C-alpha cells in the first residue's frame, strides 16, 4: 500500500480511537506509526525519512522526538492496540515473532 494511503487509513482509525485529541498530536502519532511500518525500523532517522512533507529529515526527527517526550500524550497507550494488532497479524501470517534488542528511544514506547 502506498504511504499516502497508509497515512489516510491510520488517520481515520486513530481519530476514531482518540476523537478528542488535538489533530496535530494525531498527525504526529500517525506519521510515527506509518514511518515504523514503511521503514521497518523504530529508529527515528529512518522513520523521519518516510514522513511526507517539505521539512528536512533533522527537523522531522526533532518534531517526532518532541511528540514522544510530550507529557500530555501517552504514546504507549495509543500504540499498544496497534502493536497488538500487528503482532497478531504477524503471528497468523508467519507463525513467529522476533524481537529486536537493538532498539533506541522508542523501546520505552512500544514495549508491550
PDB file of N, CA and C in Angstrom:
ATOM      1  N   UNK A   1       0.849  -1.168   0.000  1.00  0.00           N
ATOM      2  CA  UNK A   1       0.000   0.000   0.000  1.00  0.00           C
ATOM      3  C   UNK A   1       0.901   1.240   0.000  1.00  0.00           C
ATOM      4  N   UNK A   2       0.627   2.212  -0.874  1.00  0.00           N
ATOM      5  CA  UNK A   2       1.422   3.450  -0.887  1.00  0.00           C
ATOM      6  C   UNK A   2       1.330   4.187   0.448  1.00  0.00           C
ATOM      7  N   UNK A   3       2.372   4.932   0.744  1.00  0.00           N
ATOM      8  CA  UNK A   3       2.466   5.586   2.054  1.00  0.00           C
ATOM      9  C   UNK A   3       1.323   6.575   2.298  1.00  0.00           C
ATOM     10  N   UNK A   4       0.879   7.294   1.262  1.00  0.00           N
ATOM     11  CA  UNK A   4      -0.215   8.247   1.475  1.00  0.00           C
ATOM     12  C   UNK A   4      -1.531   7.527   1.789  1.00  0.00           C
ATOM     13  N   UNK A   5      -1.747   6.353   1.213  1.00  0.00           N
ATOM     14  CA  UNK A   5      -2.940   5.568   1.550  1.00  0.00           C
ATOM     15  C   UNK A   5      -2.847   5.040   2.976  1.00  0.00           C
ATOM     16  N   UNK A   6      -1.666   4.572   3.340  1.00  0.00           N
ATOM     17  CA  UNK A   6      -1.456   4.093   4.709  1.00  0.00           C
ATOM     18  C   UNK A   6      -1.744   5.219   5.700  1.00  0.00           C
ATOM     19  N   UNK A   7      -1.246   6.415   5.399  1.00  0.00           N
ATOM     20  CA  UNK A   7      -1.472   7.573   6.274  1.00  0.00           C
ATOM     21  C   UNK A   7      -2.970   7.855   6.409  1.00  0.00           C
ATOM     22  N   UNK A   8      -3.685   7.914   5.296  1.00  0.00           N
ATOM     23  CA  UNK A   8      -5.121   8.217   5.346  1.00  0.00           C
ATOM     24  C   UNK A   8      -5.889   7.153   6.128  1.00  0.00           C
ATOM     25  N   UNK A   9      -5.531   5.902   5.939  1.00  0.00           N
ATOM     26  CA  UNK A   9      -6.185   4.813   6.668  1.00  0.00           C
ATOM     27  C   UNK A   9      -5.984   4.977   8.168  1.00  0.00           C
ATOM     28  N   UNK A  10      -4.728   5.213   8.575  1.00  0.00           N
ATOM     29  CA  UNK A  10      -4.427   5.318  10.002  1.00  0.00           C
ATOM     30  C   UNK A  10      -4.964   6.593  10.623  1.00  0.00           C
ATOM     31  N   UNK A  11      -5.002   7.679   9.864  1.00  0.00           N
ATOM     32  CA  UNK A  11      -5.530   8.926  10.430  1.00  0.00           C
ATOM     33  C   UNK A  11      -7.002   8.730  10.783  1.00  0.00           C
ATOM     34  N   UNK A  12      -7.736   8.032   9.925  1.00  0.00           N
ATOM     35  CA  UNK A  12      -9.151   7.746  10.218  1.00  0.00           C
ATOM     36  C   UNK A  12      -9.281   6.862  11.453  1.00  0.00           C
ATOM     37  N   UNK A  13      -8.466   5.819  11.526  1.00  0.00           N
ATOM     38  CA  UNK A  13      -8.561   4.886  12.657  1.00  0.00           C
ATOM     39  C   UNK A  13      -8.210   5.564  13.985  1.00  0.00           C
ATOM     40  N   UNK A  14      -7.151   6.346  13.982  1.00  0.00           N
ATOM     41  CA  UNK A  14      -6.733   6.996  15.233  1.00  0.00           C
ATOM     42  C   UNK A  14      -7.717   8.079  15.636  1.00  0.00           C
ATOM     43  N   UNK A  15      -8.276   8.799  14.688  1.00  0.00           N
ATOM     44  CA  UNK A  15      -9.298   9.804  15.011  1.00  0.00           C
ATOM     45  C   UNK A  15     -10.525   9.149  15.639  1.00  0.00           C
ATOM     46  N   UNK A  16     -10.849   7.932  15.201  1.00  0.00           N
ATOM     47  CA  UNK A  16     -11.956   7.199  15.818  1.00  0.00           C
ATOM     48  C   UNK A  16     -11.604   6.774  17.247  1.00  0.00           C
ATOM     49  N   UNK A  17     -10.352   6.329  17.444  1.00  0.00           N
ATOM     50  CA  UNK A  17      -9.926   5.897  18.771  1.00  0.00           C
ATOM     51  C   UNK A  17      -9.717   7.061  19.735  1.00  0.00           C
ATOM     52  N   UNK A  18      -9.291   8.202  19.212  1.00  0.00           N
ATOM     53  CA  UNK A  18      -8.965   9.379  20.025  1.00  0.00           C
ATOM     54  C   UNK A  18      -9.687  10.617  19.497  1.00  0.00           C
ATOM     55  N   UNK A  19     -11.023  10.640  19.560  1.00  0.00           N
ATOM     56  CA  UNK A  19     -11.782  11.744  18.940  1.00  0.00           C
ATOM     57  C   UNK A  19     -11.545  13.114  19.576  1.00  0.00           C
ATOM     58  N   UNK A  20     -11.136  13.158  20.820  1.00  0.00           N
ATOM     59  CA  UNK A  20     -10.948  14.448  21.496  1.00  0.00           C
ATOM     60  C   UNK A  20      -9.507  14.934  21.472  1.00  0.00           C
ATOM     61  N   UNK A  21      -8.631  14.158  20.844  1.00  0.00           N
ATOM     62  CA  UNK A  21      -7.209  14.519  20.820  1.00  0.00           C
ATOM     63  C   UNK A  21      -6.950  15.615  19.801  1.00  0.00           C
ATOM     64  N   UNK A  22      -5.960  16.461  20.071  1.00  0.00           N
ATOM     65  CA  UNK A  22      -5.581  17.512  19.128  1.00  0.00           C
ATOM     66  C   UNK A  22      -5.130  16.884  17.819  1.00  0.00           C
ATOM     67  N   UNK A  23      -5.553  17.475  16.712  1.00  0.00           N
ATOM     68  CA  UNK A  23      -5.254  16.908  15.392  1.00  0.00           C
ATOM     69  C   UNK A  23      -3.749  16.873  15.125  1.00  0.00           C
ATOM     70  N   UNK A  24      -3.013  17.853  15.625  1.00  0.00           N
ATOM     71  CA  UNK A  24      -1.558  17.844  15.404  1.00  0.00           C
ATOM     72  C   UNK A  24      -0.907  16.660  16.124  1.00  0.00           C
ATOM     73  N   UNK A  25      -1.420  16.317  17.288  1.00  0.00           N
ATOM     74  CA  UNK A  25      -0.892  15.161  18.011  1.00  0.00           C
ATOM     75  C   UNK A  25      -1.238  13.868  17.280  1.00  0.00           C
ATOM     76  N   UNK A  26      -2.450  13.802  16.764  1.00  0.00           N
ATOM     77  CA  UNK A  26      -2.859  12.628  15.999  1.00  0.00           C
ATOM     78  C   UNK A  26      -2.000  12.494  14.740  1.00  0.00           C
ATOM     79  N   UNK A  27      -1.768  13.591  14.047  1.00  0.00           N
ATOM     80  CA  UNK A  27      -0.950  13.562  12.838  1.00  0.00           C
ATOM     81  C   UNK A  27       0.471  13.084  13.140  1.00  0.00           C
ATOM     82  N   UNK A  28       1.061  13.618  14.198  1.00  0.00           N
ATOM     83  CA  UNK A  28       2.414  13.183  14.571  1.00  0.00           C
ATOM     84  C   UNK A  28       2.442  11.693  14.900  1.00  0.00           C
ATOM     85  N   UNK A  29       1.445  11.235  15.645  1.00  0.00           N
ATOM     86  CA  UNK A  29       1.387   9.825  16.001  1.00  0.00           C
ATOM     87  C   UNK A  29       1.226   8.954  14.751  1.00  0.00           C
ATOM     88  N   UNK A  30       0.357   9.374  13.848  1.00  0.00           N
ATOM     89  CA  UNK A  30       0.133   8.592  12.638  1.00  0.00           C
ATOM     90  C   UNK A  30       1.403   8.540  11.796  1.00  0.00           C
ATOM     91  N   UNK A  31       2.128   9.658  11.685  1.00  0.00           N
ATOM     92  CA  UNK A  31       3.391   9.608  10.938  1.00  0.00           C
ATOM     93  C   UNK A  31       4.386   8.674  11.611  1.00  0.00           C
ATOM     94  N   UNK A  32       4.369   8.640  12.930  1.00  0.00           N
ATOM     95  CA  UNK A  32       5.231   7.713  13.658  1.00  0.00           C
ATOM     96  C   UNK A  32       4.886   6.266  13.299  1.00  0.00           C
ATOM     97  N   UNK A  33       3.608   5.931  13.337  1.00  0.00           N
ATOM     98  CA  UNK A  33       3.152   4.577  13.027  1.00  0.00           C
ATOM     99  C   UNK A  33       3.449   4.218  11.566  1.00  0.00           C
ATOM    100  N   UNK A  34       3.101   5.126  10.655  1.00  0.00           N
ATOM    101  CA  UNK A  34       3.325   4.883   9.229  1.00  0.00           C
ATOM    102  C   UNK A  34       4.824   4.759   8.945  1.00  0.00           C
ATOM    103  N   UNK A  35       5.613   5.601   9.597  1.00  0.00           N
ATOM    104  CA  UNK A  35       7.061   5.535   9.412  1.00  0.00           C
ATOM    105  C   UNK A  35       7.648   4.226   9.896  1.00  0.00           C
ATOM    106  N   UNK A  36       7.173   3.739  11.032  1.00  0.00           N
ATOM    107  CA  UNK A  36       7.633   2.443  11.548  1.00  0.00           C
ATOM    108  C   UNK A  36       7.263   1.338  10.558  1.00  0.00           C
ATOM    109  N   UNK A  37       6.041   1.381  10.090  1.00  0.00           N
ATOM    110  CA  UNK A  37       5.548   0.346   9.176  1.00  0.00           C
ATOM    111  C   UNK A  37       6.323   0.336   7.860  1.00  0.00           C
ATOM    112  N   UNK A  38       6.490   1.497   7.246  1.00  0.00           N
ATOM    113  CA  UNK A  38       7.121   1.552   5.930  1.00  0.00           C
ATOM    114  C   UNK A  38       8.652   1.469   5.978  1.00  0.00           C
ATOM    115  N   UNK A  39       9.258   1.912   7.073  1.00  0.00           N
ATOM    116  CA  UNK A  39      10.720   1.838   7.161  1.00  0.00           C
ATOM    117  C   UNK A  39      11.193   0.508   7.746  1.00  0.00           C
ATOM    118  N   UNK A  40      10.260  -0.240   8.359  1.00  0.00           N
ATOM    119  CA  UNK A  40      10.597  -1.497   9.037  1.00  0.00           C
ATOM    120  C   UNK A  40      11.650  -1.240  10.112  1.00  0.00           C
ATOM    121  N   UNK A  41      11.518  -0.105  10.779  1.00  0.00           N
ATOM    122  CA  UNK A  41      12.510   0.293  11.778  1.00  0.00           C
ATOM    123  C   UNK A  41      11.841   1.144  12.854  1.00  0.00           C
ATOM    124  N   UNK A  42      12.462   1.179  14.025  1.00  0.00           N
ATOM    125  CA  UNK A  42      11.998   2.084  15.076  1.00  0.00           C
ATOM    126  C   UNK A  42      12.994   3.218  15.311  1.00  0.00           C
ATOM    127  N   UNK A  43      13.973   3.341  14.452  1.00  0.00           N
ATOM    128  CA  UNK A  43      14.943   4.423  14.549  1.00  0.00           C
ATOM    129  C   UNK A  43      14.328   5.695  13.970  1.00  0.00           C
ATOM    130  N   UNK A  44      14.344   6.758  14.750  1.00  0.00           N
ATOM    131  CA  UNK A  44      13.699   7.999  14.311  1.00  0.00           C
ATOM    132  C   UNK A  44      14.230   8.511  12.979  1.00  0.00           C
ATOM    133  N   UNK A  45      15.511   8.341  12.723  1.00  0.00           N
ATOM    134  CA  UNK A  45      16.070   8.827  11.460  1.00  0.00           C
ATOM    135  C   UNK A  45      15.463   8.087  10.267  1.00  0.00           C
ATOM    136  N   UNK A  46      15.208   6.808  10.416  1.00  0.00           N
ATOM    137  CA  UNK A  46      14.597   6.036   9.328  1.00  0.00           C
ATOM    138  C   UNK A  46      13.111   6.336   9.218  1.00  0.00           C
ATOM    139  N   UNK A  47      12.441   6.491  10.356  1.00  0.00           N
ATOM    140  CA  UNK A  47      11.022   6.847  10.353  1.00  0.00           C
ATOM    141  C   UNK A  47      10.837   8.204   9.685  1.00  0.00           C
ATOM    142  N   UNK A  48      11.665   9.168  10.072  1.00  0.00           N
ATOM    143  CA  UNK A  48      11.557  10.529   9.524  1.00  0.00           C
ATOM    144  C   UNK A  48      11.737  10.537   8.011  1.00  0.00           C
ATOM    145  N   UNK A  49      12.535   9.630   7.498  1.00  0.00           N
ATOM    146  CA  UNK A  49      12.737   9.542   6.060  1.00  0.00           C
ATOM    147  C   UNK A  49      11.496   9.125   5.304  1.00  0.00           C
ATOM    148  N   UNK A  50      10.526   8.573   5.995  1.00  0.00           N
ATOM    149  CA  UNK A  50       9.271   8.144   5.362  1.00  0.00           C
ATOM    150  C   UNK A  50       8.160   9.176   5.494  1.00  0.00           C
ATOM    151  N   UNK A  51       8.364  10.197   6.322  1.00  0.00           N
ATOM    152  CA  UNK A  51       7.339  11.223   6.529  1.00  0.00           C
ATOM    153  C   UNK A  51       7.295  12.136   5.316  1.00  0.00           C
ATOM    154  N   UNK A  52       6.116  12.252   4.731  1.00  0.00           N
ATOM    155  CA  UNK A  52       5.959  13.107   3.555  1.00  0.00           C
ATOM    156  C   UNK A  52       5.875  14.573   3.995  1.00  0.00           C
ATOM    157  N   UNK A  53       6.451  15.439   3.209  1.00  0.00           N
ATOM    158  CA  UNK A  53       6.407  16.866   3.501  1.00  0.00           C
ATOM    159  C   UNK A  53       7.673  17.555   3.058  1.00  0.00           C
ATOM    160  N   UNK A  54       7.707  18.869   3.274  1.00  0.00           N
ATOM    161  CA  UNK A  54       8.839  19.671   2.832  1.00  0.00           C
ATOM    162  C   UNK A  54       9.955  19.779   3.868  1.00  0.00           C
ATOM    163  N   UNK A  55       9.687  19.353   5.093  1.00  0.00           N
ATOM    164  CA  UNK A  55      10.676  19.501   6.164  1.00  0.00           C
ATOM    165  C   UNK A  55      11.885  18.602   5.921  1.00  0.00           C
ATOM    166  N   UNK A  56      13.037  19.076   6.375  1.00  0.00           N
ATOM    167  CA  UNK A  56      14.249  18.263   6.293  1.00  0.00           C
ATOM    168  C   UNK A  56      14.172  17.138   7.318  1.00  0.00           C
ATOM    169  N   UNK A  57      14.945  16.099   7.079  1.00  0.00           N
ATOM    170  CA  UNK A  57      14.939  14.928   7.947  1.00  0.00           C
ATOM    171  C   UNK A  57      15.222  15.295   9.410  1.00  0.00           C
ATOM    172  N   UNK A  58      16.204  16.168   9.655  1.00  0.00           N
ATOM    173  CA  UNK A  58      16.550  16.549  11.030  1.00  0.00           C
ATOM    174  C   UNK A  58      15.374  17.234  11.729  1.00  0.00           C
ATOM    175  N   UNK A  59      14.653  18.060  10.982  1.00  0.00           N
ATOM    176  CA  UNK A  59      13.500  18.756  11.536  1.00  0.00           C
ATOM    177  C   UNK A  59      12.393  17.768  11.916  1.00  0.00           C
ATOM    178  N   UNK A  60      12.180  16.793  11.062  1.00  0.00           N
ATOM    179  CA  UNK A  60      11.164  15.780  11.340  1.00  0.00           C
ATOM    180  C   UNK A  60      11.571  14.926  12.531  1.00  0.00           C
ATOM    181  N   UNK A  61      12.837  14.604  12.642  1.00  0.00           N
ATOM    182  CA  UNK A  61      13.325  13.846  13.808  1.00  0.00           C
ATOM    183  C   UNK A  61      13.058  14.633  15.085  1.00  0.00           C
ATOM    184  N   UNK A  62      13.357  15.928  15.078  1.00  0.00           N
ATOM    185  CA  UNK A  62      13.111  16.759  16.267  1.00  0.00           C
ATOM    186  C   UNK A  62      11.618  16.821  16.604  1.00  0.00           C
ATOM    187  N   UNK A  63      10.777  16.955  15.576  1.00  0.00           N
ATOM    188  CA  UNK A  63       9.332  17.010  15.806  1.00  0.00           C
ATOM    189  C   UNK A  63       8.836  15.706  16.428  1.00  0.00           C
ATOM    190  N   UNK A  64       9.258  14.570  15.897  1.00  0.00           N
ATOM    191  CA  UNK A  64       8.845  13.290  16.461  1.00  0.00           C
ATOM    192  C   UNK A  64       9.398  13.089  17.874  1.00  0.00           C
ATOM    193  N   UNK A  65      10.609  13.555  18.107  1.00  0.00           N
ATOM    194  CA  UNK A  65      11.194  13.473  19.462  1.00  0.00           C
ATOM    195  C   UNK A  65      10.397  14.297  20.452  1.00  0.00           C
ATOM    196  N   UNK A  66      10.025  15.501  20.057  1.00  0.00           N
ATOM    197  CA  UNK A  66       9.201  16.350  20.938  1.00  0.00           C
ATOM    198  C   UNK A  66       7.859  15.692  21.215  1.00  0.00           C
ATOM    199  N   UNK A  67       7.274  15.103  20.187  1.00  0.00           N
ATOM    200  CA  UNK A  67       5.998  14.413  20.364  1.00  0.00           C
ATOM    201  C   UNK A  67       6.132  13.275  21.365  1.00  0.00           C
ATOM    202  N   UNK A  68       7.168  12.459  21.211  1.00  0.00           N
ATOM    203  CA  UNK A  68       7.379  11.336  22.125  1.00  0.00           C
ATOM    204  C   UNK A  68       7.648  11.787  23.556  1.00  0.00           C
ATOM    205  N   UNK A  69       8.252  12.948  23.710  1.00  0.00           N
ATOM    206  CA  UNK A  69       8.577  13.467  25.044  1.00  0.00           C
ATOM    207  C   UNK A  69       7.442  14.276  25.663  1.00  0.00           C
ATOM    208  N   UNK A  70       6.389  14.518  24.919  1.00  0.00           N
ATOM    209  CA  UNK A  70       5.275  15.349  25.394  1.00  0.00           C
ATOM    210  C   UNK A  70       4.541  14.642  26.534  1.00  0.00           C
ATOM    211  N   UNK A  71       4.543  15.224  27.733  1.00  0.00           N
ATOM    212  CA  UNK A  71       3.878  14.570  28.867  1.00  0.00           C
ATOM    213  C   UNK A  71       2.353  14.549  28.733  1.00  0.00           C
ATOM    214  N   UNK A  72       1.801  15.370  27.844  1.00  0.00           N
ATOM    215  CA  UNK A  72       0.353  15.400  27.646  1.00  0.00           C
ATOM    216  C   UNK A  72      -0.135  14.258  26.753  1.00  0.00           C
ATOM    217  N   UNK A  73       0.799  13.522  26.160  1.00  0.00           N
ATOM    218  CA  UNK A  73       0.441  12.425  25.255  1.00  0.00           C
ATOM    219  C   UNK A  73       1.005  11.127  25.808  1.00  0.00           C
ATOM    220  N   UNK A  74       0.135  10.160  26.018  1.00  0.00           N
ATOM    221  CA  UNK A  74       0.575   8.840  26.471  1.00  0.00           C
ATOM    222  C   UNK A  74       0.715   7.941  25.244  1.00  0.00           C
ATOM    223  N   UNK A  75       1.866   8.057  24.588  1.00  0.00           N
ATOM    224  CA  UNK A  75       2.103   7.337  23.337  1.00  0.00           C
ATOM    225  C   UNK A  75       1.988   5.832  23.543  1.00  0.00           C
ATOM    226  N   UNK A  76       2.404   5.368  24.684  1.00  0.00           N
ATOM    227  CA  UNK A  76       2.355   3.930  24.975  1.00  0.00           C
ATOM    228  C   UNK A  76       0.920   3.395  24.891  1.00  0.00           C
ATOM    229  N   UNK A  77      -0.024   4.096  25.500  1.00  0.00           N
ATOM    230  CA  UNK A  77      -1.413   3.629  25.463  1.00  0.00           C
ATOM    231  C   UNK A  77      -2.015   3.783  24.068  1.00  0.00           C
ATOM    232  N   UNK A  78      -1.546   4.751  23.306  1.00  0.00           N
ATOM    233  CA  UNK A  78      -2.011   4.904  21.929  1.00  0.00           C
ATOM    234  C   UNK A  78      -1.510   3.758  21.069  1.00  0.00           C
ATOM    235  N   UNK A  79      -0.245   3.389  21.273  1.00  0.00           N
ATOM    236  CA  UNK A  79       0.416   2.426  20.405  1.00  0.00           C
ATOM    237  C   UNK A  79       0.071   0.981  20.739  1.00  0.00           C
ATOM    238  N   UNK A  80      -0.243   0.709  21.989  1.00  0.00           N
ATOM    239  CA  UNK A  80      -0.466  -0.674  22.445  1.00  0.00           C
ATOM    240  C   UNK A  80      -1.481  -1.429  21.578  1.00  0.00           C
ATOM    241  N   UNK A  81      -2.691  -0.889  21.307  1.00  0.00           N
ATOM    242  CA  UNK A  81      -3.637  -1.670  20.495  1.00  0.00           C
ATOM    243  C   UNK A  81      -3.144  -1.897  19.069  1.00  0.00           C
ATOM    244  N   UNK A  82      -2.408  -0.945  18.529  1.00  0.00           N
ATOM    245  CA  UNK A  82      -1.872  -1.100  17.176  1.00  0.00           C
ATOM    246  C   UNK A  82      -0.795  -2.170  17.167  1.00  0.00           C
ATOM    247  N   UNK A  83       0.094  -2.136  18.150  1.00  0.00           N
ATOM    248  CA  UNK A  83       1.164  -3.131  18.237  1.00  0.00           C
ATOM    249  C   UNK A  83       0.582  -4.534  18.400  1.00  0.00           C
ATOM    250  N   UNK A  84      -0.433  -4.660  19.226  1.00  0.00           N
ATOM    251  CA  UNK A  84      -1.052  -5.982  19.416  1.00  0.00           C
ATOM    252  C   UNK A  84      -1.670  -6.488  18.120  1.00  0.00           C
ATOM    253  N   UNK A  85      -2.319  -5.584  17.386  1.00  0.00           N
ATOM    254  CA  UNK A  85      -2.918  -5.963  16.112  1.00  0.00           C
ATOM    255  C   UNK A  85      -1.840  -6.406  15.112  1.00  0.00           C
ATOM    256  N   UNK A  86      -0.753  -5.662  15.037  1.00  0.00           N
ATOM    257  CA  UNK A  86       0.348  -6.024  14.134  1.00  0.00           C
ATOM    258  C   UNK A  86       0.959  -7.362  14.523  1.00  0.00           C
ATOM    259  N   UNK A  87       1.193  -7.545  15.819  1.00  0.00           N
ATOM    260  CA  UNK A  87       1.793  -8.802  16.275  1.00  0.00           C
ATOM    261  C   UNK A  87       0.875  -9.989  15.993  1.00  0.00           C
ATOM    262  N   UNK A  88      -0.404  -9.819  16.224  1.00  0.00           N
ATOM    263  CA  UNK A  88      -1.371 -10.882  15.946  1.00  0.00           C
ATOM    264  C   UNK A  88      -1.384 -11.220  14.460  1.00  0.00           C
ATOM    265  N   UNK A  89      -1.374 -10.193  13.623  1.00  0.00           N
ATOM    266  CA  UNK A  89      -1.350 -10.384  12.175  1.00  0.00           C
ATOM    267  C   UNK A  89      -0.083 -11.119  11.748  1.00  0.00           C
ATOM    268  N   UNK A  90       1.049 -10.719  12.319  1.00  0.00           N
ATOM    269  CA  UNK A  90       2.335 -11.365  12.005  1.00  0.00           C
ATOM    270  C   UNK A  90       2.304 -12.836  12.418  1.00  0.00           C
ATOM    271  N   UNK A  91       1.783 -13.083  13.597  1.00  0.00           N
ATOM    272  CA  UNK A  91       1.727 -14.457  14.101  1.00  0.00           C
ATOM    273  C   UNK A  91       0.849 -15.323  13.196  1.00  0.00           C
ATOM    274  N   UNK A  92      -0.297 -14.786  12.775  1.00  0.00           N
ATOM    275  CA  UNK A  92      -1.206 -15.551  11.922  1.00  0.00           C
ATOM    276  C   UNK A  92      -0.595 -15.804  10.546  1.00  0.00           C
ATOM    277  N   UNK A  93       0.143 -14.834  10.028  1.00  0.00           N
ATOM    278  CA  UNK A  93       0.707 -14.949   8.690  1.00  0.00           C
ATOM    279  C   UNK A  93       1.972 -15.800   8.661  1.00  0.00           C
ATOM    280  N   UNK A  94       2.876 -15.587   9.614  1.00  0.00           N
ATOM    281  CA  UNK A  94       4.190 -16.221   9.562  1.00  0.00           C
ATOM    282  C   UNK A  94       4.352 -17.332  10.591  1.00  0.00           C
ATOM    283  N   UNK A  95       3.696 -17.203  11.716  1.00  0.00           N
ATOM    284  CA  UNK A  95       3.819 -18.216  12.750  1.00  0.00           C
ATOM    285  C   UNK A  95       4.940 -17.969  13.731  1.00  0.00           C
ATOM    286  N   UNK A  96       5.593 -16.829  13.621  1.00  0.00           N
ATOM    287  CA  UNK A  96       6.648 -16.497  14.581  1.00  0.00           C
ATOM    288  C   UNK A  96       6.763 -14.984  14.708  1.00  0.00           C
ATOM    289  N   UNK A  97       7.280 -14.569  15.842  1.00  0.00           N
ATOM    290  CA  UNK A  97       7.534 -13.157  16.102  1.00  0.00           C
ATOM    291  C   UNK A  97       8.933 -13.055  16.666  1.00  0.00           C
ATOM    292  N   UNK A  98       9.738 -12.179  16.091  1.00  0.00           N
ATOM    293  CA  UNK A  98      11.101 -11.966  16.577  1.00  0.00           C
ATOM    294  C   UNK A  98      11.202 -10.586  17.193  1.00  0.00           C
ATOM    295  N   UNK A  99      11.939 -10.514  18.269  1.00  0.00           N
ATOM    296  CA  UNK A  99      12.121  -9.249  18.968  1.00  0.00           C
ATOM    297  C   UNK A  99      13.540  -8.753  18.753  1.00  0.00           C
ATOM    298  N   UNK A 100      13.647  -7.476  18.435  1.00  0.00           N
ATOM    299  CA  UNK A 100      14.963  -6.869  18.243  1.00  0.00           C
ATOM    300  C   UNK A 100      15.427  -6.248  19.556  1.00  0.00           C
ATOM    301  N   UNK A 101      16.670  -6.473  19.890  1.00  0.00           N
ATOM    302  CA  UNK A 101      17.214  -5.902  21.121  1.00  0.00           C
ATOM    303  C   UNK A 101      18.001  -4.640  20.858  1.00  0.00           C
ATOM    304  N   UNK A 102      18.159  -4.250  19.611  1.00  0.00           N
ATOM    305  CA  UNK A 102      18.912  -3.043  19.270  1.00  0.00           C
ATOM    306  C   UNK A 102      17.945  -1.891  19.003  1.00  0.00           C
ATOM    307  N   UNK A 103      17.136  -1.580  19.986  1.00  0.00           N
ATOM    308  CA  UNK A 103      16.091  -0.571  19.824  1.00  0.00           C
ATOM    309  C   UNK A 103      16.460   0.684  20.597  1.00  0.00           C
ATOM    310  N   UNK A 104      16.376   1.855  19.954  1.00  0.00           N
ATOM    311  CA  UNK A 104      16.714   3.108  20.614  1.00  0.00           C
ATOM    312  C   UNK A 104      15.592   3.629  21.500  1.00  0.00           C
ATOM    313  N   UNK A 105      15.424   4.917  21.530  1.00  0.00           N
ATOM    314  CA  UNK A 105      14.471   5.629  22.370  1.00  0.00           C
ATOM    315  C   UNK A 105      13.055   5.043  22.333  1.00  0.00           C
ATOM    316  N   UNK A 106      12.615   4.542  21.197  1.00  0.00           N
ATOM    317  CA  UNK A 106      11.257   4.044  21.072  1.00  0.00           C
ATOM    318  C   UNK A 106      11.023   2.771  21.850  1.00  0.00           C
ATOM    319  N   UNK A 107      12.035   2.118  22.335  1.00  0.00           N
ATOM    320  CA  UNK A 107      11.860   0.878  23.081  1.00  0.00           C
ATOM    321  C   UNK A 107      10.951   1.100  24.265  1.00  0.00           C
ATOM    322  N   UNK A 108      11.072   2.219  24.903  1.00  0.00           N
ATOM    323  CA  UNK A 108      10.222   2.509  26.051  1.00  0.00           C
ATOM    324  C   UNK A 108       8.778   2.722  25.633  1.00  0.00           C
ATOM    325  N   UNK A 109       8.583   3.171  24.417  1.00  0.00           N
ATOM    326  CA  UNK A 109       7.237   3.481  23.933  1.00  0.00           C
ATOM    327  C   UNK A 109       6.511   2.245  23.449  1.00  0.00           C
ATOM    328  N   UNK A 110       7.196   1.401  22.683  1.00  0.00           N
ATOM    329  CA  UNK A 110       6.462   0.331  22.018  1.00  0.00           C
ATOM    330  C   UNK A 110       6.524  -1.015  22.726  1.00  0.00           C
ATOM    331  N   UNK A 111       7.241  -1.127  23.821  1.00  0.00           N
ATOM    332  CA  UNK A 111       7.251  -2.407  24.509  1.00  0.00           C
ATOM    333  C   UNK A 111       5.896  -2.644  25.150  1.00  0.00           C
ATOM    334  N   UNK A 112       5.392  -3.843  25.004  1.00  0.00           N
ATOM    335  CA  UNK A 112       4.039  -4.143  25.496  1.00  0.00           C
ATOM    336  C   UNK A 112       4.072  -4.796  26.849  1.00  0.00           C
TER     337      UNK A 112
END
